[in-house]
Amino acid sequence: MAMRRILVSVSEELFDAIEKERKARRLETVPEAARAILSDYFRKTT
């Protein structure tokens, strides 16, 4: 699977929530946390 890059602007509030989730999941970067959150979301909604 090829990875593609996207640039997303988020509010400070959303960034703080992603950062909190990153720390809870013990991930190293915000993009890793965003991928994990989106992956969980799409797994539950399909």
Protein backbone atom coordinates (compact mmCIF):
# COMPACT_ATOMS: atom_id res chain seq x y z
CA MET A 1 0.00 0.00 0.00
CA ALA A 2 1.44 3.34 -1.02
CA MET A 3 1.32 6.15 1.52
CA ARG A 4 0.10 9.56 0.41
CA ARG A 5 0.71 12.82 2.21
CA ILE A 6 -1.97 15.37 2.99
CA LEU A 7 -1.82 18.68 4.78
CA VAL A 8 -4.65 19.43 7.19
CA SER A 9 -5.27 22.51 9.30
CA VAL A 10 -6.98 21.86 12.64
CA SER A 11 -8.10 24.03 15.50
CA GLU A 12 -5.97 24.26 18.64
CA GLU A 13 -8.70 22.33 20.49
CA LEU A 14 -8.59 19.44 18.01
CA PHE A 15 -4.79 19.41 18.05
CA ASP A 16 -4.84 19.19 21.86
CA ALA A 17 -7.29 16.27 21.69
CA ILE A 18 -5.08 14.43 19.17
CA GLU A 19 -2.02 15.13 21.32
CA LYS A 20 -3.81 13.71 24.36
CA GLU A 21 -4.75 10.60 22.40
CA ARG A 22 -1.16 10.30 21.11
CA LYS A 23 0.15 10.22 24.67
CA ALA A 24 -2.52 7.74 25.80
CA ARG A 25 -1.63 5.37 22.94
CA ARG A 26 2.10 6.00 23.46
CA LEU A 27 2.66 6.96 19.84
CA GLU A 28 5.63 9.07 18.82
CA THR A 29 4.05 11.54 16.40
CA VAL A 30 0.79 13.36 15.81
CA PRO A 31 0.44 11.87 12.29
CA GLU A 32 0.69 8.36 13.80
CA ALA A 33 -2.06 9.27 16.25
CA ALA A 34 -4.26 10.69 13.50
CA ARG A 35 -3.82 7.53 11.42
CA ALA A 36 -4.69 5.34 14.41
CA ILE A 37 -7.80 7.39 15.24
CA LEU A 38 -9.01 7.38 11.62
CA SER A 39 -8.30 3.67 11.27
CA ASP A 40 -10.37 2.91 14.39
CA TYR A 41 -13.17 5.18 13.19
CA PHE A 42 -13.43 3.60 9.75
CA ARG A 43 -13.20 0.09 11.18
CA LYS A 44 -16.20 0.80 13.44
CA THR A 45 -18.35 2.57 10.83
CA THR A 46 -18.07 0.08 7.97
